Amino acid sequence: EVFAVTNSNAKCLRMISIARSAQHHNLAGDLHRI
């Protein structure tokens, strides 16, 4: 299943976009509000 994803340019672009967003979206300063 993962291999099929990595062989699709469109899917790879979305995967990379989401992964980068997750790495940049740090919540350390917000967790005290939960």
PDB file of all heavy atoms in Angstrom:
ATOM      1  N   GLU A   1       0.831  -1.204   0.000  1.00  0.00           N
ATOM      2  CA  GLU A   1       0.000   0.000   0.000  1.00  0.00           C
ATOM      3  C   GLU A   1       0.872   1.263   0.000  1.00  0.00           C
ATOM      4  O   GLU A   1       0.633   2.206  -0.760  1.00  0.00           O
ATOM      5  CB  GLU A   1      -0.922  -0.014   1.220  1.00  0.00           C
ATOM      6  CG  GLU A   1      -1.903   1.143   1.275  1.00  0.00           C
ATOM      7  CD  GLU A   1      -2.839   1.031   2.471  1.00  0.00           C
ATOM      8  OE1 GLU A   1      -3.143  -0.112   2.883  1.00  0.00           O
ATOM      9  OE2 GLU A   1      -3.261   2.078   2.983  1.00  0.00           O
ATOM     10  N   VAL A   2       1.895   1.280   0.850  1.00  0.00           N
ATOM     11  CA  VAL A   2       2.784   2.439   0.909  1.00  0.00           C
ATOM     12  C   VAL A   2       3.591   2.548  -0.381  1.00  0.00           C
ATOM     13  O   VAL A   2       3.800   3.651  -0.908  1.00  0.00           O
ATOM     14  CB  VAL A   2       3.720   2.350   2.135  1.00  0.00           C
ATOM     15  CG1 VAL A   2       4.721   3.505   2.131  1.00  0.00           C
ATOM     16  CG2 VAL A   2       2.906   2.358   3.427  1.00  0.00           C
ATOM     17  N   PHE A   3       4.019   1.416  -0.922  1.00  0.00           N
ATOM     18  CA  PHE A   3       4.784   1.415  -2.165  1.00  0.00           C
ATOM     19  C   PHE A   3       3.967   2.026  -3.308  1.00  0.00           C
ATOM     20  O   PHE A   3       4.485   2.794  -4.123  1.00  0.00           O
ATOM     21  CB  PHE A   3       5.204  -0.012  -2.520  1.00  0.00           C
ATOM     22  CG  PHE A   3       6.055  -0.112  -3.752  1.00  0.00           C
ATOM     23  CD1 PHE A   3       7.361   0.352  -3.747  1.00  0.00           C
ATOM     24  CD2 PHE A   3       5.556  -0.695  -4.919  1.00  0.00           C
ATOM     25  CE1 PHE A   3       8.163   0.259  -4.884  1.00  0.00           C
ATOM     26  CE2 PHE A   3       6.345  -0.790  -6.055  1.00  0.00           C
ATOM     27  CZ  PHE A   3       7.654  -0.311  -6.044  1.00  0.00           C
ATOM     28  N   ALA A   4       2.676   1.701  -3.353  1.00  0.00           N
ATOM     29  CA  ALA A   4       1.802   2.261  -4.385  1.00  0.00           C
ATOM     30  C   ALA A   4       1.700   3.769  -4.249  1.00  0.00           C
ATOM     31  O   ALA A   4       1.694   4.504  -5.242  1.00  0.00           O
ATOM     32  CB  ALA A   4       0.416   1.622  -4.299  1.00  0.00           C
ATOM     33  N   VAL A   5       1.647   4.249  -3.006  1.00  0.00           N
ATOM     34  CA  VAL A   5       1.581   5.694  -2.768  1.00  0.00           C
ATOM     35  C   VAL A   5       2.847   6.378  -3.273  1.00  0.00           C
ATOM     36  O   VAL A   5       2.802   7.419  -3.940  1.00  0.00           O
ATOM     37  CB  VAL A   5       1.384   5.987  -1.264  1.00  0.00           C
ATOM     38  CG1 VAL A   5       1.571   7.472  -0.975  1.00  0.00           C
ATOM     39  CG2 VAL A   5       0.009   5.528  -0.814  1.00  0.00           C
ATOM     40  N   THR A   6       4.006   5.775  -2.977  1.00  0.00           N
ATOM     41  CA  THR A   6       5.271   6.409  -3.346  1.00  0.00           C
ATOM     42  C   THR A   6       5.498   6.416  -4.852  1.00  0.00           C
ATOM     43  O   THR A   6       6.347   7.148  -5.343  1.00  0.00           O
ATOM     44  CB  THR A   6       6.466   5.700  -2.670  1.00  0.00           C
ATOM     45  OG1 THR A   6       6.573   4.359  -3.186  1.00  0.00           O
ATOM     46  CG2 THR A   6       6.303   5.670  -1.159  1.00  0.00           C
ATOM     47  N   ASN A   7       4.715   5.636  -5.588  1.00  0.00           N
ATOM     48  CA  ASN A   7       4.855   5.608  -7.041  1.00  0.00           C
ATOM     49  C   ASN A   7       3.818   6.485  -7.745  1.00  0.00           C
ATOM     50  O   ASN A   7       3.670   6.421  -8.963  1.00  0.00           O
ATOM     51  CB  ASN A   7       4.783   4.173  -7.563  1.00  0.00           C
ATOM     52  CG  ASN A   7       6.108   3.458  -7.419  1.00  0.00           C
ATOM     53  OD1 ASN A   7       7.011   3.616  -8.224  1.00  0.00           O
ATOM     54  ND2 ASN A   7       6.253   2.693  -6.341  1.00  0.00           N
ATOM     55  N   SER A   8       3.124   7.282  -6.968  1.00  0.00           N
ATOM     56  CA  SER A   8       2.183   8.255  -7.526  1.00  0.00           C
ATOM     57  C   SER A   8       2.693   9.649  -7.203  1.00  0.00           C
ATOM     58  O   SER A   8       2.785  10.024  -6.027  1.00  0.00           O
ATOM     59  CB  SER A   8       0.790   8.057  -6.931  1.00  0.00           C
ATOM     60  OG  SER A   8      -0.021   9.190  -7.164  1.00  0.00           O
ATOM     61  N   ASN A   9       3.034  10.424  -8.228  1.00  0.00           N
ATOM     62  CA  ASN A   9       3.531  11.785  -8.000  1.00  0.00           C
ATOM     63  C   ASN A   9       2.528  12.626  -7.223  1.00  0.00           C
ATOM     64  O   ASN A   9       2.896  13.362  -6.303  1.00  0.00           O
ATOM     65  CB  ASN A   9       3.854  12.465  -9.335  1.00  0.00           C
ATOM     66  CG  ASN A   9       5.179  12.011  -9.909  1.00  0.00           C
ATOM     67  OD1 ASN A   9       6.054  11.534  -9.182  1.00  0.00           O
ATOM     68  ND2 ASN A   9       5.319  12.123 -11.216  1.00  0.00           N
ATOM     69  N   ALA A  10       1.255  12.542  -7.592  1.00  0.00           N
ATOM     70  CA  ALA A  10       0.226  13.354  -6.948  1.00  0.00           C
ATOM     71  C   ALA A  10       0.106  13.013  -5.461  1.00  0.00           C
ATOM     72  O   ALA A  10       0.020  13.901  -4.604  1.00  0.00           O
ATOM     73  CB  ALA A  10      -1.115  13.143  -7.649  1.00  0.00           C
ATOM     74  N   LYS A  11       0.121  11.700  -5.145  1.00  0.00           N
ATOM     75  CA  LYS A  11       0.005  11.288  -3.750  1.00  0.00           C
ATOM     76  C   LYS A  11       1.251  11.678  -2.962  1.00  0.00           C
ATOM     77  O   LYS A  11       1.167  12.120  -1.808  1.00  0.00           O
ATOM     78  CB  LYS A  11      -0.244   9.780  -3.658  1.00  0.00           C
ATOM     79  CG  LYS A  11      -1.624   9.374  -4.161  1.00  0.00           C
ATOM     80  CD  LYS A  11      -1.844   7.866  -4.043  1.00  0.00           C
ATOM     81  CE  LYS A  11      -3.241   7.491  -4.500  1.00  0.00           C
ATOM     82  NZ  LYS A  11      -3.497   6.034  -4.398  1.00  0.00           N
ATOM     83  N   CYS A  12       2.412  11.526  -3.572  1.00  0.00           N
ATOM     84  CA  CYS A  12       3.660  11.893  -2.896  1.00  0.00           C
ATOM     85  C   CYS A  12       3.694  13.375  -2.557  1.00  0.00           C
ATOM     86  O   CYS A  12       4.134  13.767  -1.471  1.00  0.00           O
ATOM     87  CB  CYS A  12       4.855  11.539  -3.778  1.00  0.00           C
ATOM     88  SG  CYS A  12       5.504   9.890  -3.452  1.00  0.00           S
ATOM     89  N   LEU A  13       3.237  14.213  -3.476  1.00  0.00           N
ATOM     90  CA  LEU A  13       3.233  15.652  -3.222  1.00  0.00           C
ATOM     91  C   LEU A  13       2.367  15.989  -2.027  1.00  0.00           C
ATOM     92  O   LEU A  13       2.743  16.819  -1.184  1.00  0.00           O
ATOM     93  CB  LEU A  13       2.729  16.402  -4.461  1.00  0.00           C
ATOM     94  CG  LEU A  13       3.717  16.550  -5.615  1.00  0.00           C
ATOM     95  CD1 LEU A  13       3.025  17.138  -6.841  1.00  0.00           C
ATOM     96  CD2 LEU A  13       4.906  17.422  -5.203  1.00  0.00           C
ATOM     97  N   ARG A  14       1.220  15.355  -1.912  1.00  0.00           N
ATOM     98  CA  ARG A  14       0.332  15.625  -0.773  1.00  0.00           C
ATOM     99  C   ARG A  14       0.937  15.092   0.522  1.00  0.00           C
ATOM    100  O   ARG A  14       0.874  15.761   1.561  1.00  0.00           O
ATOM    101  CB  ARG A  14      -1.042  15.000  -1.048  1.00  0.00           C
ATOM    102  CG  ARG A  14      -1.847  15.828  -2.038  1.00  0.00           C
ATOM    103  CD  ARG A  14      -2.906  15.018  -2.783  1.00  0.00           C
ATOM    104  NE  ARG A  14      -3.642  15.890  -3.697  1.00  0.00           N
ATOM    105  CZ  ARG A  14      -3.180  16.278  -4.890  1.00  0.00           C
ATOM    106  NH1 ARG A  14      -1.984  15.870  -5.299  1.00  0.00           N
ATOM    107  NH2 ARG A  14      -3.912  17.072  -5.659  1.00  0.00           N
ATOM    108  N   MET A  15       1.517  13.917   0.462  1.00  0.00           N
ATOM    109  CA  MET A  15       2.158  13.323   1.639  1.00  0.00           C
ATOM    110  C   MET A  15       3.269  14.230   2.163  1.00  0.00           C
ATOM    111  O   MET A  15       3.371  14.495   3.368  1.00  0.00           O
ATOM    112  CB  MET A  15       2.714  11.947   1.273  1.00  0.00           C
ATOM    113  CG  MET A  15       3.459  11.244   2.380  1.00  0.00           C
ATOM    114  SD  MET A  15       4.092   9.655   1.822  1.00  0.00           S
ATOM    115  CE  MET A  15       5.363  10.170   0.665  1.00  0.00           C
ATOM    116  N   ILE A  16       4.096  14.723   1.262  1.00  0.00           N
ATOM    117  CA  ILE A  16       5.208  15.590   1.657  1.00  0.00           C
ATOM    118  C   ILE A  16       4.688  16.910   2.208  1.00  0.00           C
ATOM    119  O   ILE A  16       5.192  17.431   3.211  1.00  0.00           O
ATOM    120  CB  ILE A  16       6.154  15.816   0.463  1.00  0.00           C
ATOM    121  CG1 ILE A  16       6.875  14.514   0.123  1.00  0.00           C
ATOM    122  CG2 ILE A  16       7.176  16.908   0.762  1.00  0.00           C
ATOM    123  CD1 ILE A  16       7.618  14.539  -1.198  1.00  0.00           C
ATOM    124  N   SER A  17       3.644  17.460   1.578  1.00  0.00           N
ATOM    125  CA  SER A  17       3.060  18.721   2.048  1.00  0.00           C
ATOM    126  C   SER A  17       2.515  18.586   3.467  1.00  0.00           C
ATOM    127  O   SER A  17       2.750  19.446   4.326  1.00  0.00           O
ATOM    128  CB  SER A  17       1.943  19.155   1.094  1.00  0.00           C
ATOM    129  OG  SER A  17       1.294  20.313   1.570  1.00  0.00           O
ATOM    130  N   ILE A  18       1.801  17.491   3.714  1.00  0.00           N
ATOM    131  CA  ILE A  18       1.225  17.275   5.047  1.00  0.00           C
ATOM    132  C   ILE A  18       2.325  17.032   6.077  1.00  0.00           C
ATOM    133  O   ILE A  18       2.284  17.570   7.194  1.00  0.00           O
ATOM    134  CB  ILE A  18       0.237  16.098   5.013  1.00  0.00           C
ATOM    135  CG1 ILE A  18      -0.999  16.464   4.176  1.00  0.00           C
ATOM    136  CG2 ILE A  18      -0.188  15.697   6.430  1.00  0.00           C
ATOM    137  CD1 ILE A  18      -1.888  15.286   3.852  1.00  0.00           C
ATOM    138  N   ALA A  19       3.337  16.216   5.720  1.00  0.00           N
ATOM    139  CA  ALA A  19       4.432  15.923   6.651  1.00  0.00           C
ATOM    140  C   ALA A  19       5.185  17.196   7.027  1.00  0.00           C
ATOM    141  O   ALA A  19       5.522  17.410   8.199  1.00  0.00           O
ATOM    142  CB  ALA A  19       5.380  14.905   6.039  1.00  0.00           C
ATOM    143  N   ARG A  20       5.448  18.051   6.052  1.00  0.00           N
ATOM    144  CA  ARG A  20       6.140  19.309   6.343  1.00  0.00           C
ATOM    145  C   ARG A  20       5.279  20.228   7.203  1.00  0.00           C
ATOM    146  O   ARG A  20       5.782  20.895   8.113  1.00  0.00           O
ATOM    147  CB  ARG A  20       6.524  19.994   5.041  1.00  0.00           C
ATOM    148  CG  ARG A  20       7.689  19.319   4.323  1.00  0.00           C
ATOM    149  CD  ARG A  20       7.992  19.961   2.993  1.00  0.00           C
ATOM    150  NE  ARG A  20       9.176  19.357   2.374  1.00  0.00           N
ATOM    151  CZ  ARG A  20       9.541  19.537   1.116  1.00  0.00           C
ATOM    152  NH1 ARG A  20       8.811  20.305   0.318  1.00  0.00           N
ATOM    153  NH2 ARG A  20      10.627  18.942   0.637  1.00  0.00           N
ATOM    154  N   SER A  21       3.988  20.259   6.924  1.00  0.00           N
ATOM    155  CA  SER A  21       3.085  21.067   7.736  1.00  0.00           C
ATOM    156  C   SER A  21       3.089  20.593   9.194  1.00  0.00           C
ATOM    157  O   SER A  21       3.120  21.398  10.122  1.00  0.00           O
ATOM    158  CB  SER A  21       1.661  20.988   7.167  1.00  0.00           C
ATOM    159  OG  SER A  21       0.732  21.636   8.009  1.00  0.00           O
ATOM    160  N   ALA A  22       3.090  19.270   9.381  1.00  0.00           N
ATOM    161  CA  ALA A  22       3.111  18.723  10.742  1.00  0.00           C
ATOM    162  C   ALA A  22       4.395  19.100  11.472  1.00  0.00           C
ATOM    163  O   ALA A  22       4.380  19.454  12.656  1.00  0.00           O
ATOM    164  CB  ALA A  22       2.960  17.202  10.698  1.00  0.00           C
ATOM    165  N   GLN A  23       5.528  19.045  10.763  1.00  0.00           N
ATOM    166  CA  GLN A  23       6.810  19.375  11.385  1.00  0.00           C
ATOM    167  C   GLN A  23       6.899  20.852  11.749  1.00  0.00           C
ATOM    168  O   GLN A  23       7.521  21.218  12.746  1.00  0.00           O
ATOM    169  CB  GLN A  23       7.943  18.967  10.445  1.00  0.00           C
ATOM    170  CG  GLN A  23       8.116  17.460  10.340  1.00  0.00           C
ATOM    171  CD  GLN A  23       9.059  17.033   9.230  1.00  0.00           C
ATOM    172  OE1 GLN A  23       9.438  17.834   8.384  1.00  0.00           O
ATOM    173  NE2 GLN A  23       9.437  15.767   9.223  1.00  0.00           N
ATOM    174  N   HIS A  24       6.251  21.703  10.972  1.00  0.00           N
ATOM    175  CA  HIS A  24       6.311  23.156  11.219  1.00  0.00           C
ATOM    176  C   HIS A  24       5.219  23.629  12.179  1.00  0.00           C
ATOM    177  O   HIS A  24       5.305  24.730  12.709  1.00  0.00           O
ATOM    178  CB  HIS A  24       6.186  23.921   9.897  1.00  0.00           C
ATOM    179  CG  HIS A  24       7.345  23.706   8.974  1.00  0.00           C
ATOM    180  ND1 HIS A  24       7.222  23.685   7.604  1.00  0.00           N
ATOM    181  CD2 HIS A  24       8.655  23.469   9.228  1.00  0.00           C
ATOM    182  CE1 HIS A  24       8.416  23.462   7.055  1.00  0.00           C
ATOM    183  NE2 HIS A  24       9.289  23.318   8.034  1.00  0.00           N
ATOM    184  N   HIS A  25       4.190  22.780  12.378  1.00  0.00           N
ATOM    185  CA  HIS A  25       3.042  23.187  13.189  1.00  0.00           C
ATOM    186  C   HIS A  25       3.248  22.713  14.632  1.00  0.00           C
ATOM    187  O   HIS A  25       2.588  21.801  15.115  1.00  0.00           O
ATOM    188  CB  HIS A  25       1.765  22.575  12.600  1.00  0.00           C
ATOM    189  CG  HIS A  25       0.522  23.325  12.914  1.00  0.00           C
ATOM    190  ND1 HIS A  25       0.041  24.365  12.147  1.00  0.00           N
ATOM    191  CD2 HIS A  25      -0.358  23.192  13.927  1.00  0.00           C
ATOM    192  CE1 HIS A  25      -1.076  24.833  12.661  1.00  0.00           C
ATOM    193  NE2 HIS A  25      -1.347  24.136  13.749  1.00  0.00           N
ATOM    194  N   ASN A  26       4.187  23.346  15.320  1.00  0.00           N
ATOM    195  CA  ASN A  26       4.543  22.933  16.682  1.00  0.00           C
ATOM    196  C   ASN A  26       3.552  23.509  17.691  1.00  0.00           C
ATOM    197  O   ASN A  26       3.231  24.693  17.657  1.00  0.00           O
ATOM    198  CB  ASN A  26       5.964  23.388  17.023  1.00  0.00           C
ATOM    199  CG  ASN A  26       6.475  22.763  18.299  1.00  0.00           C
ATOM    200  OD1 ASN A  26       6.088  23.163  19.382  1.00  0.00           O
ATOM    201  ND2 ASN A  26       7.364  21.784  18.172  1.00  0.00           N
ATOM    202  N   LEU A  27       3.088  22.676  18.615  1.00  0.00           N
ATOM    203  CA  LEU A  27       2.017  23.060  19.533  1.00  0.00           C
ATOM    204  C   LEU A  27       2.498  23.307  20.960  1.00  0.00           C
ATOM    205  O   LEU A  27       1.668  23.474  21.860  1.00  0.00           O
ATOM    206  CB  LEU A  27       0.940  21.963  19.549  1.00  0.00           C
ATOM    207  CG  LEU A  27       0.257  21.678  18.205  1.00  0.00           C
ATOM    208  CD1 LEU A  27      -0.702  20.506  18.352  1.00  0.00           C
ATOM    209  CD2 LEU A  27      -0.488  22.907  17.707  1.00  0.00           C
ATOM    210  N   ALA A  28       3.800  23.360  21.170  1.00  0.00           N
ATOM    211  CA  ALA A  28       4.320  23.466  22.539  1.00  0.00           C
ATOM    212  C   ALA A  28       3.731  24.657  23.289  1.00  0.00           C
ATOM    213  O   ALA A  28       3.457  24.575  24.497  1.00  0.00           O
ATOM    214  CB  ALA A  28       5.844  23.570  22.502  1.00  0.00           C
ATOM    215  N   GLY A  29       3.534  25.769  22.614  1.00  0.00           N
ATOM    216  CA  GLY A  29       3.028  26.970  23.272  1.00  0.00           C
ATOM    217  C   GLY A  29       1.531  26.993  23.484  1.00  0.00           C
ATOM    218  O   GLY A  29       1.009  27.921  24.121  1.00  0.00           O
ATOM    219  N   ASP A  30       0.816  25.977  22.954  1.00  0.00           N
ATOM    220  CA  ASP A  30      -0.648  25.979  23.016  1.00  0.00           C
ATOM    221  C   ASP A  30      -1.234  24.891  23.905  1.00  0.00           C
ATOM    222  O   ASP A  30      -2.404  24.959  24.279  1.00  0.00           O
ATOM    223  CB  ASP A  30      -1.224  25.793  21.598  1.00  0.00           C
ATOM    224  CG  ASP A  30      -0.806  26.908  20.653  1.00  0.00           C
ATOM    225  OD1 ASP A  30      -1.014  28.077  21.004  1.00  0.00           O
ATOM    226  OD2 ASP A  30      -0.271  26.586  19.570  1.00  0.00           O
ATOM    227  N   LEU A  31      -0.451  23.876  24.235  1.00  0.00           N
ATOM    228  CA  LEU A  31      -1.012  22.702  24.908  1.00  0.00           C
ATOM    229  C   LEU A  31      -1.576  23.024  26.290  1.00  0.00           C
ATOM    230  O   LEU A  31      -2.479  22.322  26.763  1.00  0.00           O
ATOM    231  CB  LEU A  31       0.048  21.599  25.020  1.00  0.00           C
ATOM    232  CG  LEU A  31       0.527  21.006  23.688  1.00  0.00           C
ATOM    233  CD1 LEU A  31       1.530  19.891  23.929  1.00  0.00           C
ATOM    234  CD2 LEU A  31      -0.638  20.499  22.842  1.00  0.00           C
ATOM    235  N   HIS A  32      -1.089  24.072  26.929  1.00  0.00           N
ATOM    236  CA  HIS A  32      -1.603  24.425  28.267  1.00  0.00           C
ATOM    237  C   HIS A  32      -3.082  24.799  28.229  1.00  0.00           C
ATOM    238  O   HIS A  32      -3.761  24.787  29.260  1.00  0.00           O
ATOM    239  CB  HIS A  32      -0.787  25.592  28.854  1.00  0.00           C
ATOM    240  CG  HIS A  32      -1.007  26.896  28.142  1.00  0.00           C
ATOM    241  ND1 HIS A  32      -0.349  27.216  26.971  1.00  0.00           N
ATOM    242  CD2 HIS A  32      -1.829  27.952  28.418  1.00  0.00           C
ATOM    243  CE1 HIS A  32      -0.740  28.420  26.561  1.00  0.00           C
ATOM    244  NE2 HIS A  32      -1.630  28.871  27.412  1.00  0.00           N
ATOM    245  N   ARG A  33      -3.603  25.100  27.033  1.00  0.00           N
ATOM    246  CA  ARG A  33      -5.008  25.498  26.905  1.00  0.00           C
ATOM    247  C   ARG A  33      -5.959  24.303  26.819  1.00  0.00           C
ATOM    248  O   ARG A  33      -7.174  24.480  26.850  1.00  0.00           O
ATOM    249  CB  ARG A  33      -5.197  26.389  25.669  1.00  0.00           C
ATOM    250  CG  ARG A  33      -4.432  27.699  25.751  1.00  0.00           C
ATOM    251  CD  ARG A  33      -4.892  28.704  24.694  1.00  0.00           C
ATOM    252  NE  ARG A  33      -4.416  28.394  23.357  1.00  0.00           N
ATOM    253  CZ  ARG A  33      -5.191  28.064  22.333  1.00  0.00           C
ATOM    254  NH1 ARG A  33      -6.504  27.965  22.480  1.00  0.00           N
ATOM    255  NH2 ARG A  33      -4.665  27.819  21.140  1.00  0.00           N
ATOM    256  N   ILE A  34      -5.409  23.110  26.714  1.00  0.00           N
ATOM    257  CA  ILE A  34      -6.254  21.907  26.654  1.00  0.00           C
ATOM    258  C   ILE A  34      -6.487  21.417  28.078  1.00  0.00           C
ATOM    259  O   ILE A  34      -5.588  20.897  28.731  1.00  0.00           O
ATOM    260  CB  ILE A  34      -5.598  20.828  25.780  1.00  0.00           C
ATOM    261  CG1 ILE A  34      -5.503  21.315  24.333  1.00  0.00           C
ATOM    262  CG2 ILE A  34      -6.383  19.517  25.870  1.00  0.00           C
ATOM    263  CD1 ILE A  34      -4.853  20.335  23.381  1.00  0.00           C
TER     264      ILE A  34
END
